[in-house]
């Protein structure tokens, strides 16, 4: 595995598939005001990935499902349920989310995947701690490809 830590915007990475930290589908997607990665996906990629994720039903905590990427330039989006019903992440939910996302990436034959810091935004996890759990988990998974952990940093203002 080629594991890289990068600063930037997940949606600007040159990977085949990205990971979206999502809720467990208990609240209809159209009632939520997506923030963070989900909000960026909705703004830049449209609503289709969220309509598709809803059809999968309840996602267990730490679980993962794959959808199309809408109008984004990726082959797919892997949505993970990294936060609990109280909108909090935990070591277990983060590690399980990473394992399940990587399982899908391997099964589908993807050669590159981009992760945000799962549960460090809306989930309330401390970025350094979440990054450590993710790196530790990824290092234990055999994967023949590139894995990026993208720490969000907004790009320069344009205009």
Foldseek 3Di string as FASTA:
>chain_A
DAEAEAEAALLPDPFQEEEAADAQLPDQPVVDCDDDPVNVLCVPQNCVQSVVVNVVPGAPQLAWDWDASRNRPHRIYIYANQAYPVQAGDLVSLLSVLVNVVVVCVVVVTAEYEYELHCVPSNVDPSVVSVVSNVVSVVVDDGNHYYYYYYYDYDDDDD
